[in-house]
Amino acid sequence: MVRVEFLKPALPAEARQPCADPVNLPDRSLSAREVGTHWGRDRANLRICEQRRASAVNALEAAQ
Protein backbone atom coordinates (compact mmCIF):
# COMPACT_ATOMS: atom_id res chain seq x y z
CA MET A 1 0.00 0.00 0.00
CA VAL A 2 1.33 3.41 -0.99
CA ARG A 3 0.40 6.44 1.01
CA VAL A 4 0.76 9.89 -0.53
CA GLU A 5 1.09 12.78 1.87
CA PHE A 6 1.35 16.39 0.80
CA LEU A 7 3.41 18.59 3.05
CA LYS A 8 2.79 22.28 3.31
CA PRO A 9 5.94 24.38 3.23
CA ALA A 10 6.71 26.31 6.39
CA LEU A 11 6.31 30.01 5.94
CA PRO A 12 8.67 32.21 7.95
CA ALA A 13 6.82 34.08 10.70
CA GLU A 14 8.21 37.36 9.37
CA ALA A 15 6.39 36.81 6.10
CA ARG A 16 3.05 36.90 7.88
CA GLN A 17 3.58 40.41 9.19
CA PRO A 18 1.79 43.08 7.17
CA CYS A 19 3.83 45.76 5.47
CA ALA A 20 3.92 49.12 7.20
CA ASP A 21 1.60 51.79 5.88
CA PRO A 22 3.20 54.87 4.34
CA VAL A 23 3.78 57.75 6.73
CA ASN A 24 0.67 59.90 7.25
CA LEU A 25 1.50 63.35 6.01
CA PRO A 26 0.07 66.45 7.66
CA ASP A 27 -2.31 68.63 5.68
CA ARG A 28 0.20 71.44 5.24
CA SER A 29 3.38 72.23 3.41
CA LEU A 30 6.34 70.20 4.60
CA SER A 31 9.84 71.45 5.21
CA ALA A 32 12.69 69.83 3.31
CA ARG A 33 13.76 68.14 6.53
CA GLU A 34 10.29 66.67 7.09
CA VAL A 35 10.15 65.41 3.50
CA GLY A 36 13.52 63.71 3.96
CA THR A 37 12.52 62.16 7.27
CA HIS A 38 9.22 60.79 5.99
CA TRP A 39 10.76 59.58 2.74
CA GLY A 40 13.53 57.82 4.65
CA ARG A 41 11.06 56.12 6.99
CA ASP A 42 8.91 54.91 4.08
CA ARG A 43 12.00 53.67 2.23
CA ALA A 44 13.24 51.72 5.27
CA ASN A 45 9.81 50.15 5.77
CA LEU A 46 9.71 49.15 2.10
CA ARG A 47 13.09 47.42 2.40
CA ILE A 48 11.97 45.51 5.51
CA CYS A 49 8.79 44.41 3.75
CA GLU A 50 10.76 43.23 0.72
CA GLN A 51 13.06 41.18 2.94
CA ARG A 52 10.04 39.44 4.48
CA ARG A 53 8.52 38.80 1.06
CA ALA A 54 11.76 37.37 -0.28
CA SER A 55 12.06 35.17 2.80
CA ALA A 56 8.60 33.73 2.17
CA VAL A 57 9.36 33.08 -1.50
CA ASN A 58 12.63 31.37 -0.61
CA ALA A 59 10.90 29.14 1.96
CA LEU A 60 8.26 28.10 -0.53
CA GLU A 61 10.78 27.43 -3.28
CA ALA A 62 12.99 25.40 -0.93
CA ALA A 63 10.03 23.17 -0.06
CA GLN A 64 9.33 22.30 -3.69
PDB file of N, CA and C in Angstrom:
ATOM      1  N   MET A   1       0.844  -1.183   0.000  1.00  0.00           N
ATOM      2  CA  MET A   1       0.000   0.000   0.000  1.00  0.00           C
ATOM      3  C   MET A   1       0.892   1.251   0.000  1.00  0.00           C
ATOM      4  N   VAL A   2       0.581   2.158  -0.876  1.00  0.00           N
ATOM      5  CA  VAL A   2       1.327   3.408  -0.987  1.00  0.00           C
ATOM      6  C   VAL A   2       0.482   4.530  -0.418  1.00  0.00           C
ATOM      7  N   ARG A   3       1.107   5.317   0.408  1.00  0.00           N
ATOM      8  CA  ARG A   3       0.397   6.439   1.015  1.00  0.00           C
ATOM      9  C   ARG A   3       1.058   7.731   0.528  1.00  0.00           C
ATOM     10  N   VAL A   4       0.259   8.605  -0.038  1.00  0.00           N
ATOM     11  CA  VAL A   4       0.762   9.892  -0.528  1.00  0.00           C
ATOM     12  C   VAL A   4       0.369  10.963   0.478  1.00  0.00           C
ATOM     13  N   GLU A   5       1.342  11.718   0.891  1.00  0.00           N
ATOM     14  CA  GLU A   5       1.085  12.775   1.868  1.00  0.00           C
ATOM     15  C   GLU A   5       1.688  14.073   1.335  1.00  0.00           C
ATOM     16  N   PHE A   6       0.884  15.092   1.265  1.00  0.00           N
ATOM     17  CA  PHE A   6       1.354  16.393   0.798  1.00  0.00           C
ATOM     18  C   PHE A   6       1.736  17.228   2.013  1.00  0.00           C
ATOM     19  N   LEU A   7       2.916  17.756   1.963  1.00  0.00           N
ATOM     20  CA  LEU A   7       3.406  18.589   3.054  1.00  0.00           C
ATOM     21  C   LEU A   7       3.324  20.051   2.648  1.00  0.00           C
ATOM     22  N   LYS A   8       2.839  20.842   3.564  1.00  0.00           N
ATOM     23  CA  LYS A   8       2.788  22.283   3.314  1.00  0.00           C
ATOM     24  C   LYS A   8       4.133  22.881   3.708  1.00  0.00           C
ATOM     25  N   PRO A   9       4.672  23.741   2.861  1.00  0.00           N
ATOM     26  CA  PRO A   9       5.945  24.375   3.228  1.00  0.00           C
ATOM     27  C   PRO A   9       5.750  25.316   4.413  1.00  0.00           C
ATOM     28  N   ALA A  10       6.763  25.411   5.229  1.00  0.00           N
ATOM     29  CA  ALA A  10       6.706  26.307   6.387  1.00  0.00           C
ATOM     30  C   ALA A  10       7.006  27.729   5.932  1.00  0.00           C
ATOM     31  N   LEU A  11       6.124  28.605   6.275  1.00  0.00           N
ATOM     32  CA  LEU A  11       6.312  30.012   5.937  1.00  0.00           C
ATOM     33  C   LEU A  11       7.001  30.701   7.102  1.00  0.00           C
ATOM     34  N   PRO A  12       8.030  31.488   6.858  1.00  0.00           N
ATOM     35  CA  PRO A  12       8.671  32.213   7.954  1.00  0.00           C
ATOM     36  C   PRO A  12       7.664  33.136   8.636  1.00  0.00           C
ATOM     37  N   ALA A  13       7.757  33.230   9.935  1.00  0.00           N
ATOM     38  CA  ALA A  13       6.825  34.075  10.697  1.00  0.00           C
ATOM     39  C   ALA A  13       6.882  35.530  10.230  1.00  0.00           C
ATOM     40  N   GLU A  14       8.063  35.971   9.827  1.00  0.00           N
ATOM     41  CA  GLU A  14       8.213  37.359   9.373  1.00  0.00           C
ATOM     42  C   GLU A  14       7.365  37.644   8.140  1.00  0.00           C
ATOM     43  N   ALA A  15       7.145  36.623   7.333  1.00  0.00           N
ATOM     44  CA  ALA A  15       6.387  36.809   6.100  1.00  0.00           C
ATOM     45  C   ALA A  15       4.910  37.054   6.375  1.00  0.00           C
ATOM     46  N   ARG A  16       4.455  36.705   7.544  1.00  0.00           N
ATOM     47  CA  ARG A  16       3.046  36.900   7.883  1.00  0.00           C
ATOM     48  C   ARG A  16       2.756  38.304   8.411  1.00  0.00           C
ATOM     49  N   GLN A  17       3.783  39.060   8.683  1.00  0.00           N
ATOM     50  CA  GLN A  17       3.583  40.413   9.195  1.00  0.00           C
ATOM     51  C   GLN A  17       3.194  41.339   8.048  1.00  0.00           C
ATOM     52  N   PRO A  18       2.178  42.164   8.247  1.00  0.00           N
ATOM     53  CA  PRO A  18       1.792  43.079   7.168  1.00  0.00           C
ATOM     54  C   PRO A  18       2.854  44.155   6.968  1.00  0.00           C
ATOM     55  N   CYS A  19       2.906  44.664   5.766  1.00  0.00           N
ATOM     56  CA  CYS A  19       3.828  45.760   5.470  1.00  0.00           C
ATOM     57  C   CYS A  19       3.338  47.027   6.166  1.00  0.00           C
ATOM     58  N   ALA A  20       4.275  47.862   6.538  1.00  0.00           N
ATOM     59  CA  ALA A  20       3.921  49.120   7.196  1.00  0.00           C
ATOM     60  C   ALA A  20       3.228  50.051   6.213  1.00  0.00           C
ATOM     61  N   ASP A  21       2.257  50.782   6.704  1.00  0.00           N
ATOM     62  CA  ASP A  21       1.599  51.794   5.880  1.00  0.00           C
ATOM     63  C   ASP A  21       2.562  52.953   5.642  1.00  0.00           C
ATOM     64  N   PRO A  22       2.377  53.668   4.538  1.00  0.00           N
ATOM     65  CA  PRO A  22       3.197  54.868   4.342  1.00  0.00           C
ATOM     66  C   PRO A  22       2.942  55.868   5.472  1.00  0.00           C
ATOM     67  N   VAL A  23       3.895  56.732   5.690  1.00  0.00           N
ATOM     68  CA  VAL A  23       3.775  57.749   6.731  1.00  0.00           C
ATOM     69  C   VAL A  23       2.584  58.651   6.414  1.00  0.00           C
ATOM     70  N   ASN A  24       1.773  58.944   7.424  1.00  0.00           N
ATOM     71  CA  ASN A  24       0.667  59.895   7.250  1.00  0.00           C
ATOM     72  C   ASN A  24       1.253  61.306   7.221  1.00  0.00           C
ATOM     73  N   LEU A  25       0.975  61.996   6.157  1.00  0.00           N
ATOM     74  CA  LEU A  25       1.502  63.349   6.005  1.00  0.00           C
ATOM     75  C   LEU A  25       0.493  64.366   6.522  1.00  0.00           C
ATOM     76  N   PRO A  26       0.980  65.410   7.184  1.00  0.00           N
ATOM     77  CA  PRO A  26       0.067  66.451   7.657  1.00  0.00           C
ATOM     78  C   PRO A  26      -0.511  67.234   6.480  1.00  0.00           C
ATOM     79  N   ASP A  27      -1.633  67.861   6.718  1.00  0.00           N
ATOM     80  CA  ASP A  27      -2.308  68.634   5.676  1.00  0.00           C
ATOM     81  C   ASP A  27      -1.757  70.060   5.660  1.00  0.00           C
ATOM     82  N   ARG A  28      -0.483  70.144   5.331  1.00  0.00           N
ATOM     83  CA  ARG A  28       0.201  71.444   5.243  1.00  0.00           C
ATOM     84  C   ARG A  28       1.467  71.249   4.427  1.00  0.00           C
ATOM     85  N   SER A  29       2.100  72.325   4.107  1.00  0.00           N
ATOM     86  CA  SER A  29       3.380  72.230   3.407  1.00  0.00           C
ATOM     87  C   SER A  29       4.423  71.650   4.344  1.00  0.00           C
ATOM     88  N   LEU A  30       5.296  70.817   3.798  1.00  0.00           N
ATOM     89  CA  LEU A  30       6.340  70.201   4.603  1.00  0.00           C
ATOM     90  C   LEU A  30       7.674  70.886   4.344  1.00  0.00           C
ATOM     91  N   SER A  31       8.488  70.931   5.383  1.00  0.00           N
ATOM     92  CA  SER A  31       9.842  71.451   5.209  1.00  0.00           C
ATOM     93  C   SER A  31      10.679  70.385   4.498  1.00  0.00           C
ATOM     94  N   ALA A  32      11.801  70.790   3.973  1.00  0.00           N
ATOM     95  CA  ALA A  32      12.689  69.833   3.309  1.00  0.00           C
ATOM     96  C   ALA A  32      13.125  68.743   4.286  1.00  0.00           C
ATOM     97  N   ARG A  33      13.354  69.120   5.513  1.00  0.00           N
ATOM     98  CA  ARG A  33      13.757  68.136   6.531  1.00  0.00           C
ATOM     99  C   ARG A  33      12.647  67.115   6.772  1.00  0.00           C
ATOM    100  N   GLU A  34      11.415  67.583   6.876  1.00  0.00           N
ATOM    101  CA  GLU A  34      10.287  66.665   7.087  1.00  0.00           C
ATOM    102  C   GLU A  34      10.116  65.721   5.903  1.00  0.00           C
ATOM    103  N   VAL A  35      10.256  66.251   4.695  1.00  0.00           N
ATOM    104  CA  VAL A  35      10.152  65.410   3.497  1.00  0.00           C
ATOM    105  C   VAL A  35      11.207  64.313   3.551  1.00  0.00           C
ATOM    106  N   GLY A  36      12.437  64.684   3.872  1.00  0.00           N
ATOM    107  CA  GLY A  36      13.522  63.709   3.957  1.00  0.00           C
ATOM    108  C   GLY A  36      13.283  62.664   5.034  1.00  0.00           C
ATOM    109  N   THR A  37      12.797  63.086   6.174  1.00  0.00           N
ATOM    110  CA  THR A  37      12.523  62.159   7.274  1.00  0.00           C
ATOM    111  C   THR A  37      11.431  61.166   6.894  1.00  0.00           C
ATOM    112  N   HIS A  38      10.327  61.675   6.369  1.00  0.00           N
ATOM    113  CA  HIS A  38       9.218  60.790   5.992  1.00  0.00           C
ATOM    114  C   HIS A  38       9.605  59.870   4.841  1.00  0.00           C
ATOM    115  N   TRP A  39      10.309  60.384   3.878  1.00  0.00           N
ATOM    116  CA  TRP A  39      10.762  59.583   2.737  1.00  0.00           C
ATOM    117  C   TRP A  39      11.687  58.468   3.221  1.00  0.00           C
ATOM    118  N   GLY A  40      12.607  58.813   4.120  1.00  0.00           N
ATOM    119  CA  GLY A  40      13.531  57.819   4.654  1.00  0.00           C
ATOM    120  C   GLY A  40      12.816  56.723   5.427  1.00  0.00           C
ATOM    121  N   ARG A  41      11.827  57.097   6.217  1.00  0.00           N
ATOM    122  CA  ARG A  41      11.065  56.115   6.985  1.00  0.00           C
ATOM    123  C   ARG A  41      10.297  55.178   6.048  1.00  0.00           C
ATOM    124  N   ASP A  42       9.643  55.743   5.045  1.00  0.00           N
ATOM    125  CA  ASP A  42       8.911  54.908   4.085  1.00  0.00           C
ATOM    126  C   ASP A  42       9.862  53.980   3.334  1.00  0.00           C
ATOM    127  N   ARG A  43      11.017  54.480   2.960  1.00  0.00           N
ATOM    128  CA  ARG A  43      11.998  53.672   2.230  1.00  0.00           C
ATOM    129  C   ARG A  43      12.500  52.512   3.093  1.00  0.00           C
ATOM    130  N   ALA A  44      12.784  52.775   4.357  1.00  0.00           N
ATOM    131  CA  ALA A  44      13.242  51.723   5.272  1.00  0.00           C
ATOM    132  C   ALA A  44      12.158  50.667   5.449  1.00  0.00           C
ATOM    133  N   ASN A  45      10.916  51.098   5.611  1.00  0.00           N
ATOM    134  CA  ASN A  45       9.810  50.150   5.770  1.00  0.00           C
ATOM    135  C   ASN A  45       9.625  49.298   4.516  1.00  0.00           C
ATOM    136  N   LEU A  46       9.824  49.893   3.353  1.00  0.00           N
ATOM    137  CA  LEU A  46       9.706  49.155   2.105  1.00  0.00           C
ATOM    138  C   LEU A  46      10.790  48.078   2.010  1.00  0.00           C
ATOM    139  N   ARG A  47      12.006  48.400   2.417  1.00  0.00           N
ATOM    140  CA  ARG A  47      13.094  47.417   2.399  1.00  0.00           C
ATOM    141  C   ARG A  47      12.805  46.254   3.356  1.00  0.00           C
ATOM    142  N   ILE A  48      12.313  46.557   4.534  1.00  0.00           N
ATOM    143  CA  ILE A  48      11.971  45.511   5.508  1.00  0.00           C
ATOM    144  C   ILE A  48      10.893  44.603   4.934  1.00  0.00           C
ATOM    145  N   CYS A  49       9.887  45.189   4.328  1.00  0.00           N
ATOM    146  CA  CYS A  49       8.792  44.410   3.750  1.00  0.00           C
ATOM    147  C   CYS A  49       9.313  43.513   2.626  1.00  0.00           C
ATOM    148  N   GLU A  50      10.201  44.022   1.805  1.00  0.00           N
ATOM    149  CA  GLU A  50      10.756  43.231   0.716  1.00  0.00           C
ATOM    150  C   GLU A  50      11.582  42.066   1.255  1.00  0.00           C
ATOM    151  N   GLN A  51      12.294  42.268   2.333  1.00  0.00           N
ATOM    152  CA  GLN A  51      13.059  41.176   2.944  1.00  0.00           C
ATOM    153  C   GLN A  51      12.128  40.068   3.422  1.00  0.00           C
ATOM    154  N   ARG A  52      11.004  40.447   4.020  1.00  0.00           N
ATOM    155  CA  ARG A  52      10.037  39.442   4.482  1.00  0.00           C
ATOM    156  C   ARG A  52       9.422  38.702   3.306  1.00  0.00           C
ATOM    157  N   ARG A  53       9.098  39.437   2.234  1.00  0.00           N
ATOM    158  CA  ARG A  53       8.515  38.804   1.058  1.00  0.00           C
ATOM    159  C   ARG A  53       9.494  37.821   0.440  1.00  0.00           C
ATOM    160  N   ALA A  54      10.738  38.240   0.297  1.00  0.00           N
ATOM    161  CA  ALA A  54      11.758  37.372  -0.278  1.00  0.00           C
ATOM    162  C   ALA A  54      11.978  36.137   0.587  1.00  0.00           C
ATOM    163  N   SER A  55      11.905  36.298   1.883  1.00  0.00           N
ATOM    164  CA  SER A  55      12.062  35.168   2.797  1.00  0.00           C
ATOM    165  C   SER A  55      10.943  34.153   2.590  1.00  0.00           C
ATOM    166  N   ALA A  56       9.731  34.628   2.404  1.00  0.00           N
ATOM    167  CA  ALA A  56       8.596  33.729   2.170  1.00  0.00           C
ATOM    168  C   ALA A  56       8.752  32.996   0.843  1.00  0.00           C
ATOM    169  N   VAL A  57       9.165  33.710  -0.189  1.00  0.00           N
ATOM    170  CA  VAL A  57       9.360  33.084  -1.501  1.00  0.00           C
ATOM    171  C   VAL A  57      10.446  32.013  -1.413  1.00  0.00           C
ATOM    172  N   ASN A  58      11.543  32.333  -0.751  1.00  0.00           N
ATOM    173  CA  ASN A  58      12.631  31.372  -0.605  1.00  0.00           C
ATOM    174  C   ASN A  58      12.191  30.129   0.156  1.00  0.00           C
ATOM    175  N   ALA A  59      11.378  30.290   1.196  1.00  0.00           N
ATOM    176  CA  ALA A  59      10.900  29.140   1.962  1.00  0.00           C
ATOM    177  C   ALA A  59      10.000  28.265   1.112  1.00  0.00           C
ATOM    178  N   LEU A  60       9.139  28.873   0.310  1.00  0.00           N
ATOM    179  CA  LEU A  60       8.255  28.097  -0.532  1.00  0.00           C
ATOM    180  C   LEU A  60       9.025  27.378  -1.640  1.00  0.00           C
ATOM    181  N   GLU A  61       9.994  28.050  -2.229  1.00  0.00           N
ATOM    182  CA  GLU A  61      10.776  27.429  -3.281  1.00  0.00           C
ATOM    183  C   GLU A  61      11.647  26.297  -2.744  1.00  0.00           C
ATOM    184  N   ALA A  62      12.161  26.445  -1.532  1.00  0.00           N
ATOM    185  CA  ALA A  62      12.994  25.402  -0.929  1.00  0.00           C
ATOM    186  C   ALA A  62      12.174  24.143  -0.632  1.00  0.00           C
ATOM    187  N   ALA A  63      10.894  24.312  -0.399  1.00  0.00           N
ATOM    188  CA  ALA A  63      10.034  23.168  -0.057  1.00  0.00           C
ATOM    189  C   ALA A  63       9.590  22.405  -1.295  1.00  0.00           C
ATOM    190  N   GLN A  64       9.797  22.968  -2.464  1.00  0.00           N
ATOM    191  CA  GLN A  64       9.334  22.302  -3.691  1.00  0.00           C
ATOM    192  C   GLN A  64      10.364  21.367  -4.253  1.00  0.00           C
TER     193      GLN A  64
END
